[in-house]
Structure formats: C-alpha cells, structure tokens
Amino acid sequence: MHLYHVPGTRSTRVLWLLEEIGAPYDLTVLSRDERTGDEHIERHPLGRVPVVDDGSGFVFESAGIVLHIADLHPELGLVPMPGTHERALAYQWIFLAMTELEPAIVDRIRAGETDPERAEAARGRAYAAAAVIDRVLEGHEYLVGDRFGVADVVAGSVLSFARRYGAAEGLANVADYVERLEARPARLRADAVVAA
C-alpha cells in the first residue's frame, strides 16, 4: 500500500488507519503545489489527497480508502462483515460524518466573517449531526459494537475538526470520544508526520 499524503488533510485519517494496522506501507508526503502537478493529477483527477496505490491501481476518497484497507485486513475486525447489521452501522456513521457533519463545518469556515448568518446556520447543522453521535456514545466508547473500527477513524477525525471550529461545544460524550481517539498511539504517529 502506498499513500500519497498532505499533513493536516483528510489523508491523515488514512495514515492513522495504516498505523493502527501495523502492516508495511509506503508514504509520499506531497507539498500543496505538487498536488496540482500532472503526475498527481494522474492519481487523482481533482488534485486532492488522499490517494493510495493498492498494487492494482489508484483509489481516492478517504472514506472509501479506509473501508478498502479494513477489508484487506479482516483478521483485525476494524469493519464488520458485509451483510451484517453492524456493517450497516459502520456505513451509517461514516456517511453521516462525511455528508452531514463535514460539509456543514466547511460551510461554516467558508462563510466565516463575511456571512455570519450563513456561518451560524452551518454551525447549527454541524452541531445537530454531532449531537446525534453524542447520544449514541452515551455509555459506549466506540460507535459500532463497542470496539474501535473504521467508523471511529472517519467520524472521530471529523468530530475533531468540528471541535476546533466550535461545532460540538457542550457535547461531553463527543469530547471524551475525541480525546480518547486522539490519544491512540497510531493517531499520534499519524499526526506527527509533517510537510515535506
């Protein structure tokens, strides 16, 4: 597995999962300028990260990549078996994080000071999505089956982002969850990778 990575982006969640797995991988840290070069556009037509080369070709989109990597290592139990209710829950939390929570946070950031009404509406949408996760975490350490998995990698990284931008204030279960995830040794190793 070869990961093309820019620190501080969605590719960090892929690097985090690779560190959790502990299998060998190759890492190329790209500068932001290198992302728009022809070589990287061949890997990702929009010039974004993450991208992995899994030995059969390139795959992009962080949620898809983490599911793929977890499927390659079923012995670790990071994603439930296909066709199970637990697998459906993993999809549910991953897609809620990617489609409800993350876009609202990005909208809040973009609206910033130029459109306070839009920024506040976006913060409210993000908070509502984070609050759903907060309720599910009541009495639980992780989102699916009370064990760490890919749903936590995706939702936890997006919730960390939400907390930085004030979209999860007062959600005690989310705060504890994010702190627990950010303290994982694999997450710390992923966060320690710096720009080239």
N, C-alpha and C. Protein backbone atom coordinates (compact mmCIF):
# COMPACT_ATOMS: atom_id res chain seq x y z
N MET A 1 0.86 -1.18 0.00
CA MET A 1 0.00 0.00 0.00
C MET A 1 0.89 1.23 0.00
N HIS A 2 0.60 2.16 -0.88
CA HIS A 2 1.36 3.41 -0.98
C HIS A 2 0.38 4.55 -0.83
N LEU A 3 0.59 5.40 0.18
CA LEU A 3 -0.28 6.53 0.46
C LEU A 3 0.38 7.82 0.01
N TYR A 4 -0.37 8.63 -0.73
CA TYR A 4 0.05 9.99 -1.09
C TYR A 4 -0.69 10.91 -0.13
N HIS A 5 0.08 11.72 0.62
CA HIS A 5 -0.42 12.36 1.83
C HIS A 5 0.00 13.82 1.90
N VAL A 6 -0.89 14.63 2.42
CA VAL A 6 -0.56 16.00 2.82
C VAL A 6 -1.00 16.13 4.28
N PRO A 7 -0.08 16.42 5.20
CA PRO A 7 -0.44 16.54 6.61
C PRO A 7 -1.54 17.59 6.81
N GLY A 8 -2.40 17.30 7.79
CA GLY A 8 -3.47 18.23 8.12
C GLY A 8 -4.65 18.17 7.18
N THR A 9 -4.73 17.12 6.36
CA THR A 9 -5.84 16.96 5.44
C THR A 9 -6.55 15.63 5.74
N ARG A 10 -7.55 15.32 4.93
CA ARG A 10 -8.29 14.06 5.10
C ARG A 10 -7.38 12.84 4.97
N SER A 11 -6.23 13.00 4.35
CA SER A 11 -5.34 11.84 4.21
C SER A 11 -4.77 11.40 5.56
N THR A 12 -4.85 12.25 6.57
CA THR A 12 -4.36 11.86 7.90
C THR A 12 -5.17 10.69 8.45
N ARG A 13 -6.48 10.65 8.13
CA ARG A 13 -7.28 9.53 8.64
C ARG A 13 -6.84 8.22 8.00
N VAL A 14 -6.39 8.25 6.75
CA VAL A 14 -5.90 7.04 6.10
C VAL A 14 -4.57 6.63 6.73
N LEU A 15 -3.70 7.60 6.94
CA LEU A 15 -2.41 7.31 7.59
C LEU A 15 -2.64 6.75 8.99
N TRP A 16 -3.59 7.31 9.72
CA TRP A 16 -3.95 6.81 11.06
C TRP A 16 -4.34 5.34 10.98
N LEU A 17 -5.21 4.98 10.04
CA LEU A 17 -5.63 3.58 9.93
C LEU A 17 -4.46 2.68 9.56
N LEU A 18 -3.61 3.13 8.65
CA LEU A 18 -2.43 2.33 8.30
C LEU A 18 -1.56 2.09 9.52
N GLU A 19 -1.41 3.12 10.36
CA GLU A 19 -0.64 2.96 11.59
C GLU A 19 -1.33 2.00 12.56
N GLU A 20 -2.64 2.04 12.64
CA GLU A 20 -3.38 1.11 13.50
C GLU A 20 -3.16 -0.32 13.06
N ILE A 21 -3.14 -0.54 11.75
CA ILE A 21 -2.99 -1.89 11.21
C ILE A 21 -1.59 -2.43 11.46
N GLY A 22 -0.59 -1.58 11.29
CA GLY A 22 0.78 -2.01 11.55
C GLY A 22 1.44 -2.77 10.41
N ALA A 23 0.75 -2.93 9.27
CA ALA A 23 1.36 -3.59 8.11
C ALA A 23 2.26 -2.58 7.40
N PRO A 24 3.27 -3.04 6.71
CA PRO A 24 4.15 -2.10 5.99
C PRO A 24 3.38 -1.31 4.93
N TYR A 25 3.79 -0.07 4.76
CA TYR A 25 3.22 0.77 3.70
C TYR A 25 4.28 1.78 3.29
N ASP A 26 4.11 2.35 2.11
CA ASP A 26 4.98 3.42 1.65
C ASP A 26 4.22 4.73 1.75
N LEU A 27 4.94 5.81 2.02
CA LEU A 27 4.32 7.11 2.20
C LEU A 27 5.06 8.14 1.36
N THR A 28 4.30 8.90 0.58
CA THR A 28 4.84 10.05 -0.13
C THR A 28 4.12 11.28 0.40
N VAL A 29 4.87 12.17 1.03
CA VAL A 29 4.30 13.42 1.53
C VAL A 29 4.45 14.45 0.42
N LEU A 30 3.31 14.96 -0.03
CA LEU A 30 3.28 15.93 -1.12
C LEU A 30 3.20 17.35 -0.58
N SER A 31 3.81 18.28 -1.27
CA SER A 31 3.56 19.68 -0.97
C SER A 31 2.22 20.03 -1.58
N ARG A 32 1.63 21.10 -1.12
CA ARG A 32 0.34 21.51 -1.69
C ARG A 32 0.50 21.81 -3.19
N ASP A 33 1.64 22.34 -3.60
CA ASP A 33 1.88 22.61 -5.02
C ASP A 33 1.98 21.33 -5.84
N GLU A 34 2.59 20.29 -5.29
CA GLU A 34 2.73 19.03 -6.01
C GLU A 34 1.38 18.39 -6.32
N ARG A 35 0.37 18.73 -5.55
CA ARG A 35 -0.95 18.14 -5.79
C ARG A 35 -1.53 18.56 -7.14
N THR A 36 -1.12 19.69 -7.65
CA THR A 36 -1.68 20.16 -8.92
C THR A 36 -0.82 19.80 -10.12
N GLY A 37 0.28 19.11 -9.88
CA GLY A 37 1.16 18.70 -10.98
C GLY A 37 0.56 17.54 -11.77
N ASP A 38 1.01 17.41 -12.99
CA ASP A 38 0.48 16.37 -13.88
C ASP A 38 0.59 14.97 -13.28
N GLU A 39 1.69 14.70 -12.59
CA GLU A 39 1.90 13.36 -12.02
C GLU A 39 0.81 13.02 -11.01
N HIS A 40 0.46 14.00 -10.16
CA HIS A 40 -0.57 13.71 -9.16
C HIS A 40 -1.97 13.73 -9.77
N ILE A 41 -2.19 14.56 -10.77
CA ILE A 41 -3.49 14.58 -11.45
C ILE A 41 -3.79 13.21 -12.07
N GLU A 42 -2.75 12.49 -12.46
CA GLU A 42 -2.94 11.12 -12.96
C GLU A 42 -3.46 10.21 -11.85
N ARG A 43 -3.06 10.50 -10.61
CA ARG A 43 -3.50 9.70 -9.47
C ARG A 43 -4.90 10.11 -9.02
N HIS A 44 -5.16 11.41 -8.99
CA HIS A 44 -6.45 11.95 -8.55
C HIS A 44 -6.82 13.10 -9.48
N PRO A 45 -7.84 12.95 -10.29
CA PRO A 45 -8.15 13.97 -11.31
C PRO A 45 -8.46 15.35 -10.75
N LEU A 46 -8.81 15.44 -9.46
CA LEU A 46 -9.07 16.74 -8.85
C LEU A 46 -7.86 17.29 -8.10
N GLY A 47 -6.76 16.54 -8.11
CA GLY A 47 -5.53 17.00 -7.47
C GLY A 47 -5.61 17.03 -5.95
N ARG A 48 -6.35 16.11 -5.38
CA ARG A 48 -6.54 16.09 -3.92
C ARG A 48 -5.85 14.88 -3.30
N VAL A 49 -5.88 14.85 -2.00
CA VAL A 49 -5.42 13.69 -1.23
C VAL A 49 -6.54 13.32 -0.27
N PRO A 50 -6.58 12.08 0.16
CA PRO A 50 -5.60 11.02 -0.05
C PRO A 50 -5.81 10.29 -1.37
N VAL A 51 -4.73 9.65 -1.76
CA VAL A 51 -4.74 8.66 -2.83
C VAL A 51 -3.88 7.51 -2.35
N VAL A 52 -4.34 6.28 -2.60
CA VAL A 52 -3.49 5.12 -2.35
C VAL A 52 -3.32 4.35 -3.64
N ASP A 53 -2.18 3.72 -3.75
CA ASP A 53 -1.94 2.72 -4.78
C ASP A 53 -1.92 1.40 -4.03
N ASP A 54 -2.93 0.58 -4.29
CA ASP A 54 -3.06 -0.69 -3.55
C ASP A 54 -2.38 -1.86 -4.26
N GLY A 55 -1.59 -1.53 -5.27
CA GLY A 55 -0.91 -2.57 -6.03
C GLY A 55 -1.65 -2.93 -7.30
N SER A 56 -2.94 -2.57 -7.36
CA SER A 56 -3.73 -2.82 -8.57
C SER A 56 -4.13 -1.53 -9.25
N GLY A 57 -3.83 -0.41 -8.63
CA GLY A 57 -4.18 0.89 -9.19
C GLY A 57 -4.45 1.89 -8.09
N PHE A 58 -4.89 3.07 -8.50
CA PHE A 58 -5.13 4.16 -7.56
C PHE A 58 -6.57 4.15 -7.06
N VAL A 59 -6.72 4.54 -5.80
CA VAL A 59 -8.03 4.71 -5.17
C VAL A 59 -7.98 6.03 -4.42
N PHE A 60 -9.03 6.85 -4.57
CA PHE A 60 -9.10 8.09 -3.80
C PHE A 60 -10.44 8.18 -3.09
N GLU A 61 -10.57 9.15 -2.22
CA GLU A 61 -11.68 9.41 -1.29
C GLU A 61 -11.42 8.67 0.01
N SER A 62 -11.23 9.45 1.07
CA SER A 62 -10.76 8.89 2.34
C SER A 62 -11.68 7.83 2.92
N ALA A 63 -12.99 8.04 2.89
CA ALA A 63 -13.90 7.05 3.48
C ALA A 63 -13.84 5.73 2.71
N GLY A 64 -13.81 5.82 1.39
CA GLY A 64 -13.68 4.61 0.59
C GLY A 64 -12.37 3.90 0.83
N ILE A 65 -11.30 4.67 0.97
CA ILE A 65 -9.98 4.08 1.20
C ILE A 65 -9.93 3.35 2.54
N VAL A 66 -10.44 3.96 3.60
CA VAL A 66 -10.35 3.29 4.91
C VAL A 66 -11.19 2.02 4.93
N LEU A 67 -12.34 2.03 4.26
CA LEU A 67 -13.14 0.80 4.17
C LEU A 67 -12.37 -0.27 3.40
N HIS A 68 -11.74 0.12 2.30
CA HIS A 68 -10.96 -0.82 1.50
C HIS A 68 -9.81 -1.41 2.30
N ILE A 69 -9.07 -0.56 2.99
CA ILE A 69 -7.93 -1.05 3.78
C ILE A 69 -8.40 -2.00 4.88
N ALA A 70 -9.50 -1.64 5.55
CA ALA A 70 -10.02 -2.53 6.60
C ALA A 70 -10.46 -3.87 6.01
N ASP A 71 -11.06 -3.84 4.81
CA ASP A 71 -11.46 -5.09 4.16
C ASP A 71 -10.26 -5.97 3.82
N LEU A 72 -9.12 -5.35 3.55
CA LEU A 72 -7.91 -6.11 3.24
C LEU A 72 -7.32 -6.79 4.47
N HIS A 73 -7.79 -6.38 5.67
CA HIS A 73 -7.27 -6.94 6.92
C HIS A 73 -8.43 -7.39 7.81
N PRO A 74 -9.25 -8.34 7.34
CA PRO A 74 -10.43 -8.75 8.11
C PRO A 74 -10.10 -9.34 9.47
N GLU A 75 -8.89 -9.89 9.60
CA GLU A 75 -8.49 -10.50 10.87
C GLU A 75 -8.42 -9.49 12.01
N LEU A 76 -8.34 -8.21 11.69
CA LEU A 76 -8.25 -7.18 12.73
C LEU A 76 -9.62 -6.71 13.22
N GLY A 77 -10.67 -7.05 12.50
CA GLY A 77 -12.01 -6.69 12.94
C GLY A 77 -12.30 -5.20 12.95
N LEU A 78 -11.65 -4.43 12.07
CA LEU A 78 -11.85 -2.98 12.04
C LEU A 78 -13.12 -2.56 11.32
N VAL A 79 -13.72 -3.50 10.59
CA VAL A 79 -15.00 -3.26 9.95
C VAL A 79 -15.77 -4.58 10.02
N PRO A 80 -17.04 -4.52 10.41
CA PRO A 80 -17.82 -5.76 10.49
C PRO A 80 -17.99 -6.43 9.13
N MET A 81 -18.37 -7.67 9.17
CA MET A 81 -18.54 -8.47 7.95
C MET A 81 -19.65 -7.89 7.08
N PRO A 82 -19.47 -7.92 5.74
CA PRO A 82 -20.53 -7.45 4.84
C PRO A 82 -21.84 -8.19 5.09
N GLY A 83 -22.93 -7.47 4.95
CA GLY A 83 -24.25 -8.07 5.11
C GLY A 83 -24.77 -8.08 6.53
N THR A 84 -23.95 -7.68 7.50
CA THR A 84 -24.40 -7.66 8.89
C THR A 84 -24.97 -6.29 9.25
N HIS A 85 -25.78 -6.27 10.30
CA HIS A 85 -26.31 -5.00 10.80
C HIS A 85 -25.18 -4.08 11.24
N GLU A 86 -24.14 -4.66 11.86
CA GLU A 86 -23.02 -3.86 12.32
C GLU A 86 -22.29 -3.20 11.14
N ARG A 87 -22.21 -3.90 10.00
CA ARG A 87 -21.59 -3.30 8.82
C ARG A 87 -22.42 -2.11 8.36
N ALA A 88 -23.74 -2.26 8.38
CA ALA A 88 -24.62 -1.15 8.01
C ALA A 88 -24.41 0.04 8.94
N LEU A 89 -24.21 -0.23 10.23
CA LEU A 89 -23.95 0.86 11.18
C LEU A 89 -22.63 1.55 10.88
N ALA A 90 -21.62 0.78 10.49
CA ALA A 90 -20.34 1.40 10.12
C ALA A 90 -20.54 2.34 8.94
N TYR A 91 -21.27 1.89 7.92
CA TYR A 91 -21.58 2.77 6.79
C TYR A 91 -22.34 4.01 7.26
N GLN A 92 -23.33 3.78 8.11
CA GLN A 92 -24.16 4.89 8.60
C GLN A 92 -23.32 5.99 9.23
N TRP A 93 -22.44 5.62 10.15
CA TRP A 93 -21.65 6.64 10.86
C TRP A 93 -20.60 7.27 9.96
N ILE A 94 -20.02 6.49 9.07
CA ILE A 94 -19.04 7.05 8.13
C ILE A 94 -19.72 8.07 7.22
N PHE A 95 -20.86 7.71 6.67
CA PHE A 95 -21.52 8.63 5.74
C PHE A 95 -22.17 9.80 6.44
N LEU A 96 -22.64 9.63 7.66
CA LEU A 96 -23.15 10.78 8.41
C LEU A 96 -22.02 11.79 8.63
N ALA A 97 -20.85 11.29 9.00
CA ALA A 97 -19.71 12.18 9.22
C ALA A 97 -19.32 12.91 7.94
N MET A 98 -19.33 12.17 6.81
CA MET A 98 -18.86 12.74 5.55
C MET A 98 -19.90 13.61 4.84
N THR A 99 -21.19 13.33 5.04
CA THR A 99 -22.22 14.06 4.29
C THR A 99 -23.01 15.06 5.09
N GLU A 100 -23.10 14.87 6.39
CA GLU A 100 -23.85 15.79 7.24
C GLU A 100 -22.93 16.71 8.04
N LEU A 101 -21.94 16.12 8.68
CA LEU A 101 -21.09 16.87 9.61
C LEU A 101 -19.99 17.66 8.90
N GLU A 102 -19.17 16.99 8.12
CA GLU A 102 -18.03 17.67 7.50
C GLU A 102 -18.43 18.81 6.56
N PRO A 103 -19.41 18.63 5.66
CA PRO A 103 -19.78 19.75 4.78
C PRO A 103 -20.30 20.96 5.54
N ALA A 104 -21.01 20.73 6.63
CA ALA A 104 -21.51 21.86 7.42
C ALA A 104 -20.36 22.63 8.07
N ILE A 105 -19.35 21.91 8.54
CA ILE A 105 -18.19 22.58 9.14
C ILE A 105 -17.46 23.40 8.08
N VAL A 106 -17.26 22.81 6.92
CA VAL A 106 -16.58 23.51 5.83
C VAL A 106 -17.38 24.76 5.44
N ASP A 107 -18.69 24.65 5.38
CA ASP A 107 -19.54 25.79 5.05
C ASP A 107 -19.40 26.88 6.11
N ARG A 108 -19.34 26.48 7.38
CA ARG A 108 -19.16 27.46 8.46
C ARG A 108 -17.83 28.20 8.31
N ILE A 109 -16.78 27.47 8.00
CA ILE A 109 -15.46 28.09 7.84
C ILE A 109 -15.47 29.06 6.66
N ARG A 110 -16.03 28.62 5.55
CA ARG A 110 -16.04 29.47 4.35
C ARG A 110 -16.87 30.73 4.55
N ALA A 111 -17.99 30.60 5.25
CA ALA A 111 -18.84 31.78 5.49
C ALA A 111 -18.14 32.75 6.43
N GLY A 112 -17.43 32.19 7.42
CA GLY A 112 -16.62 32.98 8.34
C GLY A 112 -17.22 34.29 8.75
N GLU A 113 -16.44 35.32 8.62
CA GLU A 113 -16.87 36.67 9.00
C GLU A 113 -17.68 37.36 7.91
N THR A 114 -17.63 36.84 6.68
CA THR A 114 -18.30 37.54 5.58
C THR A 114 -19.81 37.33 5.57
N ASP A 115 -20.28 36.23 6.12
CA ASP A 115 -21.71 35.93 6.13
C ASP A 115 -22.07 35.25 7.45
N PRO A 116 -22.15 36.03 8.53
CA PRO A 116 -22.38 35.45 9.86
C PRO A 116 -23.66 34.61 9.96
N GLU A 117 -24.70 35.01 9.24
CA GLU A 117 -25.96 34.26 9.30
C GLU A 117 -25.77 32.86 8.70
N ARG A 118 -25.11 32.81 7.56
CA ARG A 118 -24.84 31.52 6.93
C ARG A 118 -23.90 30.68 7.80
N ALA A 119 -22.90 31.33 8.38
CA ALA A 119 -21.95 30.61 9.24
C ALA A 119 -22.66 30.00 10.44
N GLU A 120 -23.58 30.75 11.04
CA GLU A 120 -24.30 30.24 12.20
C GLU A 120 -25.24 29.11 11.82
N ALA A 121 -25.89 29.21 10.67
CA ALA A 121 -26.76 28.13 10.20
C ALA A 121 -25.95 26.86 9.95
N ALA A 122 -24.78 27.01 9.38
CA ALA A 122 -23.91 25.86 9.13
C ALA A 122 -23.43 25.26 10.45
N ARG A 123 -23.08 26.10 11.41
CA ARG A 123 -22.68 25.60 12.72
C ARG A 123 -23.82 24.81 13.35
N GLY A 124 -25.04 25.28 13.19
CA GLY A 124 -26.20 24.58 13.73
C GLY A 124 -26.39 23.21 13.08
N ARG A 125 -26.19 23.11 11.77
CA ARG A 125 -26.29 21.81 11.09
C ARG A 125 -25.21 20.86 11.58
N ALA A 126 -24.00 21.38 11.73
CA ALA A 126 -22.89 20.55 12.22
C ALA A 126 -23.16 20.09 13.65
N TYR A 127 -23.64 21.00 14.47
CA TYR A 127 -23.93 20.65 15.87
C TYR A 127 -25.01 19.56 15.94
N ALA A 128 -26.05 19.67 15.11
CA ALA A 128 -27.12 18.67 15.12
C ALA A 128 -26.57 17.29 14.78
N ALA A 129 -25.69 17.21 13.79
CA ALA A 129 -25.09 15.92 13.42
C ALA A 129 -24.19 15.41 14.54
N ALA A 130 -23.40 16.28 15.13
CA ALA A 130 -22.52 15.88 16.24
C ALA A 130 -23.34 15.42 17.44
N ALA A 131 -24.49 16.06 17.67
CA ALA A 131 -25.35 15.69 18.80
C ALA A 131 -25.93 14.29 18.62
N VAL A 132 -26.20 13.89 17.38
CA VAL A 132 -26.67 12.52 17.12
C VAL A 132 -25.60 11.54 17.58
N ILE A 133 -24.36 11.80 17.23
CA ILE A 133 -23.26 10.92 17.64
C ILE A 133 -23.08 10.96 19.15
N ASP A 134 -23.22 12.14 19.74
CA ASP A 134 -23.09 12.27 21.19
C ASP A 134 -24.08 11.36 21.91
N ARG A 135 -25.32 11.32 21.43
CA ARG A 135 -26.34 10.48 22.06
C ARG A 135 -25.99 8.99 21.94
N VAL A 136 -25.50 8.59 20.78
CA VAL A 136 -25.14 7.19 20.55
C VAL A 136 -23.97 6.77 21.43
N LEU A 137 -23.08 7.70 21.73
CA LEU A 137 -21.90 7.38 22.53
C LEU A 137 -22.22 7.28 24.03
N GLU A 138 -23.40 7.66 24.45
CA GLU A 138 -23.76 7.56 25.87
C GLU A 138 -23.57 6.11 26.33
N GLY A 139 -22.63 5.90 27.24
CA GLY A 139 -22.36 4.57 27.76
C GLY A 139 -21.52 3.68 26.85
N HIS A 140 -20.98 4.25 25.77
CA HIS A 140 -20.17 3.47 24.83
C HIS A 140 -18.88 4.22 24.51
N GLU A 141 -17.82 3.45 24.29
CA GLU A 141 -16.54 4.07 23.92
C GLU A 141 -16.40 4.26 22.42
N TYR A 142 -17.06 3.42 21.64
CA TYR A 142 -16.93 3.46 20.18
C TYR A 142 -18.30 3.35 19.53
N LEU A 143 -18.36 3.61 18.23
CA LEU A 143 -19.64 3.72 17.55
C LEU A 143 -20.29 2.39 17.18
N VAL A 144 -19.49 1.38 16.87
CA VAL A 144 -20.07 0.12 16.39
C VAL A 144 -19.53 -1.04 17.22
N GLY A 145 -20.44 -1.75 17.85
CA GLY A 145 -20.07 -2.97 18.57
C GLY A 145 -19.13 -2.77 19.73
N ASP A 146 -19.06 -1.56 20.26
CA ASP A 146 -18.19 -1.26 21.41
C ASP A 146 -16.74 -1.67 21.18
N ARG A 147 -16.30 -1.55 19.91
CA ARG A 147 -14.88 -1.78 19.63
C ARG A 147 -14.43 -0.78 18.56
N PHE A 148 -13.17 -0.38 18.65
CA PHE A 148 -12.60 0.57 17.72
C PHE A 148 -12.63 0.02 16.30
N GLY A 149 -12.99 0.89 15.34
CA GLY A 149 -13.01 0.48 13.95
C GLY A 149 -12.98 1.66 13.01
N VAL A 150 -13.22 1.38 11.73
CA VAL A 150 -13.12 2.43 10.71
C VAL A 150 -14.16 3.52 10.90
N ALA A 151 -15.32 3.20 11.45
CA ALA A 151 -16.32 4.25 11.71
C ALA A 151 -15.74 5.28 12.67
N ASP A 152 -14.95 4.84 13.62
CA ASP A 152 -14.33 5.76 14.57
C ASP A 152 -13.23 6.58 13.92
N VAL A 153 -12.49 5.98 13.00
CA VAL A 153 -11.44 6.72 12.30
C VAL A 153 -12.06 7.90 11.54
N VAL A 154 -13.12 7.62 10.79
CA VAL A 154 -13.74 8.68 9.99
C VAL A 154 -14.51 9.65 10.88
N ALA A 155 -15.45 9.15 11.67
CA ALA A 155 -16.27 10.06 12.49
C ALA A 155 -15.41 10.80 13.51
N GLY A 156 -14.45 10.11 14.10
CA GLY A 156 -13.58 10.75 15.09
C GLY A 156 -12.75 11.86 14.51
N SER A 157 -12.23 11.65 13.29
CA SER A 157 -11.42 12.71 12.69
C SER A 157 -12.28 13.91 12.31
N VAL A 158 -13.51 13.66 11.84
CA VAL A 158 -14.39 14.77 11.50
C VAL A 158 -14.86 15.49 12.77
N LEU A 159 -15.14 14.75 13.83
CA LEU A 159 -15.54 15.38 15.09
C LEU A 159 -14.40 16.21 15.69
N SER A 160 -13.18 15.76 15.52
CA SER A 160 -12.03 16.55 15.96
C SER A 160 -12.02 17.89 15.25
N PHE A 161 -12.26 17.86 13.96
CA PHE A 161 -12.38 19.06 13.12
C PHE A 161 -13.53 19.93 13.63
N ALA A 162 -14.66 19.31 13.94
CA ALA A 162 -15.84 20.05 14.43
C ALA A 162 -15.53 20.77 15.73
N ARG A 163 -14.83 20.11 16.62
CA ARG A 163 -14.49 20.73 17.91
C ARG A 163 -13.60 21.95 17.73
N ARG A 164 -12.67 21.88 16.79
CA ARG A 164 -11.78 23.02 16.56
C ARG A 164 -12.55 24.26 16.10
N TYR A 165 -13.70 24.05 15.46
CA TYR A 165 -14.46 25.17 14.92
C TYR A 165 -15.77 25.42 15.68
N GLY A 166 -15.83 24.96 16.92
CA GLY A 166 -16.95 25.28 17.79
C GLY A 166 -18.26 24.65 17.41
N ALA A 167 -18.24 23.53 16.72
CA ALA A 167 -19.48 22.89 16.28
C ALA A 167 -19.87 21.70 17.15
N ALA A 168 -19.18 21.51 18.27
CA ALA A 168 -19.52 20.39 19.16
C ALA A 168 -19.45 20.81 20.63
N GLU A 169 -19.59 22.10 20.88
CA GLU A 169 -19.48 22.60 22.25
C GLU A 169 -20.59 22.03 23.13
N GLY A 170 -20.21 21.64 24.34
CA GLY A 170 -21.18 21.13 25.29
C GLY A 170 -21.56 19.68 25.10
N LEU A 171 -20.98 19.00 24.15
CA LEU A 171 -21.27 17.59 23.92
C LEU A 171 -20.21 16.75 24.62
N ALA A 172 -20.50 16.38 25.85
CA ALA A 172 -19.50 15.74 26.71
C ALA A 172 -19.06 14.38 26.17
N ASN A 173 -19.98 13.60 25.64
CA ASN A 173 -19.61 12.28 25.12
C ASN A 173 -18.69 12.42 23.90
N VAL A 174 -18.99 13.38 23.05
CA VAL A 174 -18.12 13.64 21.89
C VAL A 174 -16.75 14.09 22.36
N ALA A 175 -16.71 14.98 23.35
CA ALA A 175 -15.41 15.46 23.86
C ALA A 175 -14.57 14.31 24.38
N ASP A 176 -15.18 13.43 25.18
CA ASP A 176 -14.44 12.28 25.71
C ASP A 176 -13.99 11.34 24.59
N TYR A 177 -14.86 11.13 23.63
CA TYR A 177 -14.58 10.25 22.49
C TYR A 177 -13.40 10.77 21.68
N VAL A 178 -13.44 12.04 21.33
CA VAL A 178 -12.36 12.62 20.54
C VAL A 178 -11.04 12.58 21.30
N GLU A 179 -11.07 12.90 22.58
CA GLU A 179 -9.84 12.85 23.38
C GLU A 179 -9.29 11.43 23.44
N ARG A 180 -10.17 10.45 23.59
CA ARG A 180 -9.75 9.04 23.63
C ARG A 180 -9.11 8.64 22.29
N LEU A 181 -9.73 9.05 21.19
CA LEU A 181 -9.19 8.70 19.88
C LEU A 181 -7.88 9.42 19.59
N GLU A 182 -7.81 10.71 19.94
CA GLU A 182 -6.59 11.48 19.68
C GLU A 182 -5.41 10.99 20.51
N ALA A 183 -5.67 10.26 21.59
CA ALA A 183 -4.59 9.74 22.44
C ALA A 183 -4.08 8.38 21.96
N ARG A 184 -4.74 7.78 20.98
CA ARG A 184 -4.28 6.48 20.49
C ARG A 184 -2.88 6.62 19.89
N PRO A 185 -1.97 5.72 20.20
CA PRO A 185 -0.60 5.83 19.67
C PRO A 185 -0.55 5.93 18.15
N ALA A 186 -1.38 5.20 17.44
CA ALA A 186 -1.37 5.26 15.97
C ALA A 186 -1.81 6.64 15.49
N ARG A 187 -2.77 7.23 16.17
CA ARG A 187 -3.22 8.58 15.78
C ARG A 187 -2.10 9.59 16.03
N LEU A 188 -1.41 9.46 17.14
CA LEU A 188 -0.31 10.36 17.45
C LEU A 188 0.80 10.25 16.41
N ARG A 189 1.09 9.02 15.98
CA ARG A 189 2.12 8.82 14.94
C ARG A 189 1.68 9.47 13.62
N ALA A 190 0.41 9.30 13.27
CA ALA A 190 -0.10 9.91 12.02
C ALA A 190 -0.04 11.42 12.09
N ASP A 191 -0.40 11.99 13.23
CA ASP A 191 -0.38 13.44 13.39
C ASP A 191 1.05 14.01 13.38
N ALA A 192 2.02 13.17 13.71
CA ALA A 192 3.41 13.64 13.81
C ALA A 192 4.08 13.79 12.45
N VAL A 193 3.48 13.23 11.40
CA VAL A 193 4.06 13.37 10.05
C VAL A 193 3.91 14.84 9.63
N VAL A 194 5.00 15.43 9.19
CA VAL A 194 4.99 16.85 8.82
C VAL A 194 5.20 17.01 7.33
N ALA A 195 4.89 18.20 6.84
CA ALA A 195 5.02 18.50 5.43
C ALA A 195 6.45 18.38 4.96
N ALA A 196 6.60 17.99 3.72
CA ALA A 196 7.94 17.83 3.14
C ALA A 196 8.58 19.19 2.93
